[in-house]
């Protein structure tokens, strides 16, 4: 890793010409993932220029540390990270090459989305034999709208500190966002209410917050342990569990092994759903609201067919 940083630094400035300048007066807000960027846009409005470090189809645990990302971070007025070790495999390495006090830990321009979130799957002890377990809990919390309400408030608070002159605009945007979120949450809950207690299967433990909020149950995961590909014995166990619990829906993200999911689905009469957690992957899902609309509609449709 130490050898990687100097190389990234030397290449970063060669890539700097490709970084587009924001409109005059806009804050350069960098988010580690597109969903955080979409949320920042809701609160920042036309006062912010948003850049996401991860591509929508990338696993947020393993983002390609491209040289241009160092340039982007050096120019940022604000950095929004998921936190809870979501980006631990790549963001710390990038930040070693960044000389930008605006986004240093503890600065007004540094936001950790996990701050204030009631984390699920917090391990009682750390044991690497259990796979890639996060010490602070499960970092895939953006699919719970209640969590997103907290995160939006945190972003608004930091934006107001960084750009005090526009603080009232951020507060107004936050209020509108919360009103819309409350209305949409009621709508989403109504769509999934008929399936209370329904069993779903996921590749990774990345839908536990959605399941908890909407009263669904994750019966099992295709991964044998977090970050560890399934063995034939585990796949057989998954098939057995799905048959016993009548689980007929498998959720996968773009970077996960869909072939494994399809193999299991053929033997359990299940359906495989493409459920990207990042905006922009599925058509017309560029905002948090349109992404959640897509996910809830897709899931409700599949669960309804399974009845």
Protein backbone atom coordinates (compact mmCIF):
# COMPACT_ATOMS: atom_id res chain seq x y z
CA UNK A 1 0.00 0.00 0.00
CA UNK A 2 2.85 2.44 0.81
CA UNK A 3 4.27 1.91 -2.69
CA UNK A 4 0.84 2.58 -4.17
CA UNK A 5 0.36 6.08 -2.69
CA UNK A 6 3.38 7.81 -4.34
CA UNK A 7 2.38 6.32 -7.66
CA UNK A 8 -1.17 7.59 -7.25
CA UNK A 9 0.11 11.04 -6.30
CA UNK A 10 2.35 11.30 -9.33
CA UNK A 11 -0.44 10.26 -11.65
CA UNK A 12 -3.11 12.34 -9.94
CA UNK A 13 -1.89 15.66 -11.27
CA UNK A 14 -1.81 14.25 -14.79
CA UNK A 15 -5.52 13.55 -14.40
CA UNK A 16 -6.41 16.93 -12.94
CA UNK A 17 -7.36 18.46 -16.29
CA UNK A 18 -10.27 16.04 -16.47
CA UNK A 19 -11.93 17.38 -13.31
CA UNK A 20 -14.64 19.81 -14.35
CA UNK A 21 -14.94 23.05 -12.40
CA UNK A 22 -18.25 23.73 -10.64
CA UNK A 23 -20.37 26.81 -11.28
CA UNK A 24 -18.87 29.87 -9.58
CA UNK A 25 -19.81 30.00 -5.91
CA UNK A 26 -20.87 26.37 -5.64
CA UNK A 27 -19.43 24.16 -2.93
CA UNK A 28 -17.48 21.14 -4.13
CA UNK A 29 -19.13 18.28 -2.25
CA UNK A 30 -17.54 14.85 -2.60
CA UNK A 31 -19.48 11.77 -1.54
CA UNK A 32 -17.93 8.33 -1.35
CA UNK A 33 -21.00 6.71 -2.93
CA UNK A 34 -23.69 7.93 -5.34
CA UNK A 35 -26.54 7.49 -2.83
CA UNK A 36 -24.85 9.88 -0.41
CA UNK A 37 -24.24 12.25 -3.30
CA UNK A 38 -27.91 12.14 -4.29
CA UNK A 39 -28.90 12.91 -0.72
CA UNK A 40 -26.46 15.84 -0.54
CA UNK A 41 -27.97 17.22 -3.75
CA UNK A 42 -31.44 17.16 -2.18
CA UNK A 43 -30.19 19.30 0.70
CA UNK A 44 -27.63 21.44 -1.11
CA UNK A 45 -29.68 22.18 -4.20
CA UNK A 46 -28.04 24.60 -6.62
CA UNK A 47 -25.48 25.62 -4.01
CA UNK A 48 -23.50 22.39 -4.40
CA UNK A 49 -21.56 20.56 -7.09
CA UNK A 50 -21.63 16.83 -6.32
CA UNK A 51 -18.99 14.24 -7.18
CA UNK A 52 -19.24 10.59 -6.14
CA UNK A 53 -15.99 8.65 -5.80
CA UNK A 54 -17.54 5.21 -6.33
CA UNK A 55 -19.30 4.25 -9.52
CA UNK A 56 -22.95 3.15 -9.10
CA UNK A 57 -22.04 -0.41 -10.12
CA UNK A 58 -18.99 -0.72 -7.84
CA UNK A 59 -18.96 -2.59 -4.57
CA UNK A 60 -18.56 0.26 -2.02
CA UNK A 61 -16.22 -1.97 -0.03
CA UNK A 62 -13.77 -2.25 -2.94
CA UNK A 63 -13.60 0.94 -4.99
CA UNK A 64 -10.85 1.40 -7.56
CA UNK A 65 -8.45 4.01 -6.11
CA UNK A 66 -8.03 5.95 -9.33
CA UNK A 67 -5.47 8.83 -9.38
CA UNK A 68 -8.16 11.35 -10.25
CA UNK A 69 -9.86 10.67 -6.91
CA UNK A 70 -6.95 12.27 -5.04
CA UNK A 71 -7.33 15.42 -7.14
CA UNK A 72 -11.06 15.45 -6.44
CA UNK A 73 -10.48 15.16 -2.69
CA UNK A 74 -7.80 17.87 -2.71
CA UNK A 75 -10.31 20.30 -4.24
CA UNK A 76 -13.28 19.35 -2.04
CA UNK A 77 -15.04 21.72 0.34
CA UNK A 78 -16.85 18.78 1.94
CA UNK A 79 -16.45 15.00 2.10
CA UNK A 80 -19.40 12.78 2.97
CA UNK A 81 -18.49 9.18 3.81
CA UNK A 82 -20.67 6.29 4.85
CA UNK A 83 -18.47 5.46 7.80
CA UNK A 84 -18.79 2.37 10.00
CA UNK A 85 -15.90 0.89 7.99
CA UNK A 86 -17.83 0.83 4.71
CA UNK A 87 -14.90 2.43 2.85
CA UNK A 88 -12.09 1.16 5.08
CA UNK A 89 -10.54 -0.85 2.23
CA UNK A 90 -9.82 2.19 0.02
CA UNK A 91 -10.66 5.64 1.44
CA UNK A 92 -7.93 5.81 4.12
CA UNK A 93 -5.31 5.00 1.49
CA UNK A 94 -6.54 7.84 -0.72
CA UNK A 95 -6.66 10.31 2.16
CA UNK A 96 -2.98 9.65 2.92
CA UNK A 97 -2.19 11.55 -0.27
CA UNK A 98 -4.65 14.41 0.33
CA UNK A 99 -3.56 17.77 1.72
CA UNK A 100 -6.92 19.40 2.34
CA UNK A 101 -7.71 20.57 5.87
CA UNK A 102 -11.32 21.32 4.87
CA UNK A 103 -12.11 17.60 4.89
CA UNK A 104 -9.82 16.50 7.73
CA UNK A 105 -11.37 14.39 10.48
CA UNK A 106 -13.32 16.65 12.83
CA UNK A 107 -13.54 19.56 10.37
CA UNK A 108 -16.96 21.03 9.45
CA UNK A 109 -16.39 19.73 5.93
CA UNK A 110 -16.17 16.09 7.00
CA UNK A 111 -19.42 14.17 7.40
CA UNK A 112 -19.84 10.58 8.55
CA UNK A 113 -23.28 9.32 7.59
CA UNK A 114 -23.13 6.59 10.24
CA UNK A 115 -23.06 9.18 13.01
CA UNK A 116 -26.30 8.83 14.97
CA UNK A 117 -27.54 5.73 13.14
CA UNK A 118 -28.69 2.83 15.31
CA UNK A 119 -26.46 0.14 13.84
CA UNK A 120 -27.58 -3.43 13.23
CA UNK A 121 -25.39 -6.55 13.25
CA UNK A 122 -22.89 -5.15 15.75
CA UNK A 123 -20.66 -8.15 16.58
CA UNK A 124 -20.22 -9.19 20.19
CA UNK A 125 -16.60 -10.01 19.36
CA UNK A 126 -14.33 -9.84 16.34
CA UNK A 127 -13.39 -13.14 14.77
CA UNK A 128 -11.95 -13.10 11.23
CA UNK A 129 -13.06 -16.69 10.74
CA UNK A 130 -16.58 -15.24 10.48
CA UNK A 131 -15.63 -13.29 7.35
CA UNK A 132 -15.50 -9.57 6.68
CA UNK A 133 -17.41 -8.49 9.78
CA UNK A 134 -17.55 -4.77 10.58
CA UNK A 135 -16.68 -3.90 14.17
CA UNK A 136 -19.12 -0.97 14.28
CA UNK A 137 -22.03 -2.84 12.73
CA UNK A 138 -23.62 -3.26 9.31
CA UNK A 139 -22.84 -0.18 7.16
CA UNK A 140 -25.62 -0.70 4.57
CA UNK A 141 -28.11 1.55 6.35
CA UNK A 142 -29.24 3.85 3.53
CA UNK A 143 -32.31 1.77 2.61
CA UNK A 144 -34.01 2.66 5.89
CA UNK A 145 -35.74 6.02 5.34
CA UNK A 146 -35.67 6.74 9.07
CA UNK A 147 -31.88 6.56 8.97
CA UNK A 148 -31.83 8.77 5.88
CA UNK A 149 -33.79 11.44 7.76
CA UNK A 150 -30.99 11.56 10.35
CA UNK A 151 -28.28 11.62 7.70
CA UNK A 152 -29.97 14.43 5.77
CA UNK A 153 -30.06 16.53 8.95
CA UNK A 154 -26.36 15.85 9.53
CA UNK A 155 -25.52 16.94 5.99
CA UNK A 156 -27.61 20.10 6.34
CA UNK A 157 -25.87 20.94 9.61
CA UNK A 158 -22.41 20.61 8.08
CA UNK A 159 -23.37 22.53 4.95
CA UNK A 160 -24.60 25.37 7.14
CA UNK A 161 -21.26 25.43 8.96
CA UNK A 162 -19.21 25.41 5.78
CA UNK A 163 -21.44 27.94 3.99
CA UNK A 164 -23.11 30.02 6.70
CA UNK A 165 -24.43 32.56 4.19
CA UNK A 166 -26.69 29.87 2.69
CA UNK A 167 -27.68 28.22 5.98
CA UNK A 168 -31.34 29.21 5.66
CA UNK A 169 -31.54 27.68 2.19
CA UNK A 170 -30.15 24.39 3.49
CA UNK A 171 -32.65 24.37 6.36
CA UNK A 172 -35.49 25.07 3.95
CA UNK A 173 -34.36 22.29 1.61
CA UNK A 174 -34.12 19.91 4.55
CA UNK A 175 -37.66 20.71 5.65
CA UNK A 176 -39.03 20.05 2.17
CA UNK A 177 -37.03 16.85 1.96
CA UNK A 178 -38.35 15.61 5.31
CA UNK A 179 -41.95 16.37 4.37
CA UNK A 180 -41.60 14.42 1.16
CA UNK A 181 -39.75 11.58 2.89
CA UNK A 182 -42.48 11.22 5.53
CA UNK A 183 -45.13 11.01 2.82
CA UNK A 184 -43.14 8.51 0.76
CA UNK A 185 -42.38 6.35 3.79
CA UNK A 186 -46.12 6.00 4.43
CA UNK A 187 -46.57 5.05 0.77
CA UNK A 188 -43.72 2.51 0.81
CA UNK A 189 -44.97 0.94 4.04
CA UNK A 190 -48.43 0.57 2.51
CA UNK A 191 -46.98 -1.18 -0.55
CA UNK A 192 -45.09 -3.73 1.53
CA UNK A 193 -47.59 -4.10 4.39
CA UNK A 194 -49.37 -7.09 2.77
CA UNK A 195 -46.10 -9.03 2.91
CA UNK A 196 -45.31 -8.56 6.58
CA UNK A 197 -43.06 -11.40 7.77
CA UNK A 198 -42.21 -12.54 4.23
CA UNK A 199 -38.86 -14.29 3.83
CA UNK A 200 -36.26 -12.92 1.43
CA UNK A 201 -32.78 -14.12 0.53
CA UNK A 202 -29.86 -11.79 -0.20
CA UNK A 203 -26.39 -12.37 -1.55
CA UNK A 204 -24.65 -10.27 1.13
CA UNK A 205 -26.12 -8.88 4.36
CA UNK A 206 -26.87 -5.60 2.62
CA UNK A 207 -30.66 -5.45 2.88
CA UNK A 208 -31.08 -5.97 6.62
CA UNK A 209 -32.10 -2.36 7.28
CA UNK A 210 -34.73 -2.42 4.55
CA UNK A 211 -36.03 -5.73 5.89
CA UNK A 212 -36.20 -4.42 9.45
CA UNK A 213 -38.00 -1.20 8.49
CA UNK A 214 -40.60 -2.91 6.33
CA UNK A 215 -41.17 -5.99 8.52
CA UNK A 216 -39.54 -8.53 6.24
CA UNK A 217 -37.12 -11.29 7.26
CA UNK A 218 -33.78 -12.21 5.70
CA UNK A 219 -33.96 -16.01 5.78
CA UNK A 220 -30.36 -16.58 4.69
CA UNK A 221 -27.58 -15.21 2.48
CA UNK A 222 -25.87 -16.74 -0.52
CA UNK A 223 -22.50 -15.74 0.90
CA UNK A 224 -21.27 -18.34 3.35
CA UNK A 225 -19.90 -15.53 5.50
CA UNK A 226 -19.60 -11.79 4.73
CA UNK A 227 -17.14 -11.34 1.87
CA UNK A 228 -16.63 -15.08 1.39
CA UNK A 229 -17.99 -16.83 -1.72
CA UNK A 230 -20.41 -19.70 -1.08
CA UNK A 231 -19.14 -23.25 -1.02
CA UNK A 232 -21.18 -26.07 -2.60
CA UNK A 233 -22.15 -27.23 0.90
CA UNK A 234 -23.40 -23.77 1.79
CA UNK A 235 -25.38 -23.48 -1.45
CA UNK A 236 -27.06 -26.78 -0.58
CA UNK A 237 -27.89 -25.41 2.87
CA UNK A 238 -29.35 -22.23 1.35
CA UNK A 239 -31.58 -24.31 -0.93
CA UNK A 240 -32.75 -26.36 2.02
CA UNK A 241 -33.47 -23.26 4.11
CA UNK A 242 -35.41 -21.61 1.29
CA UNK A 243 -37.58 -24.67 0.81
CA UNK A 244 -38.27 -24.99 4.54
CA UNK A 245 -39.11 -21.31 4.99
CA UNK A 246 -40.87 -20.79 1.66
CA UNK A 247 -38.46 -18.05 0.61
CA UNK A 248 -39.02 -17.32 -3.07
CA UNK A 249 -37.17 -14.05 -3.70
CA UNK A 250 -33.40 -13.55 -4.04
CA UNK A 251 -31.98 -10.01 -4.08
CA UNK A 252 -28.70 -9.26 -5.83
CA UNK A 253 -26.69 -6.14 -6.62
CA UNK A 254 -24.81 -5.46 -9.89
CA UNK A 255 -21.39 -6.53 -8.61
CA UNK A 256 -22.59 -9.77 -7.01
CA UNK A 257 -22.58 -13.24 -8.56
CA UNK A 258 -25.94 -13.47 -10.30
CA UNK A 259 -25.10 -16.89 -11.73
CA UNK A 260 -25.03 -18.38 -8.23
CA UNK A 261 -28.36 -16.74 -7.45
CA UNK A 262 -29.89 -18.14 -10.64
CA UNK A 263 -28.62 -21.64 -9.83
CA UNK A 264 -30.30 -21.51 -6.43
CA UNK A 265 -33.47 -19.97 -7.89
CA UNK A 266 -33.90 -22.83 -10.38
CA UNK A 267 -33.92 -25.34 -7.55
CA UNK A 268 -36.26 -23.41 -5.26
CA UNK A 269 -38.79 -21.99 -7.72
CA UNK A 270 -37.57 -18.52 -6.74
CA UNK A 271 -37.10 -15.29 -8.67
CA UNK A 272 -33.85 -13.29 -8.79
CA UNK A 273 -34.35 -9.55 -8.43
CA UNK A 274 -31.82 -6.97 -9.58
CA UNK A 275 -31.86 -4.56 -6.62
CA UNK A 276 -29.11 -1.96 -6.96
CA UNK A 277 -28.69 0.19 -3.87
CA UNK A 278 -27.14 3.05 -5.82
CA UNK A 279 -29.09 5.58 -7.90
CA UNK A 280 -28.54 5.58 -11.62
CA UNK A 281 -28.15 1.85 -12.19
CA UNK A 282 -31.79 1.11 -12.93
CA UNK A 283 -33.56 3.40 -15.39
CA UNK A 284 -35.03 6.61 -13.93
CA UNK A 285 -33.52 6.16 -10.47
CA UNK A 286 -31.33 9.24 -10.18
CA UNK A 287 -32.61 10.38 -6.78
CA UNK A 288 -33.10 8.72 -3.40
CA UNK A 289 -36.87 8.81 -3.87
CA UNK A 290 -36.91 7.28 -7.35
CA UNK A 291 -34.44 4.61 -6.24
CA UNK A 292 -36.61 3.63 -3.27
CA UNK A 293 -39.71 3.71 -5.47
CA UNK A 294 -38.01 1.23 -7.79
CA UNK A 295 -36.82 -1.08 -5.00
CA UNK A 296 -40.14 -1.15 -3.15
CA UNK A 297 -42.19 -1.60 -6.33
CA UNK A 298 -39.91 -4.39 -7.60
CA UNK A 299 -39.91 -6.22 -4.28
CA UNK A 300 -43.65 -5.88 -3.71
CA UNK A 301 -44.33 -7.18 -7.21
CA UNK A 302 -42.17 -10.25 -6.71
CA UNK A 303 -43.57 -11.02 -3.27
CA UNK A 304 -47.09 -10.66 -4.62
CA UNK A 305 -46.44 -13.19 -7.37
CA UNK A 306 -45.12 -15.67 -4.84
CA UNK A 307 -48.42 -15.84 -2.97
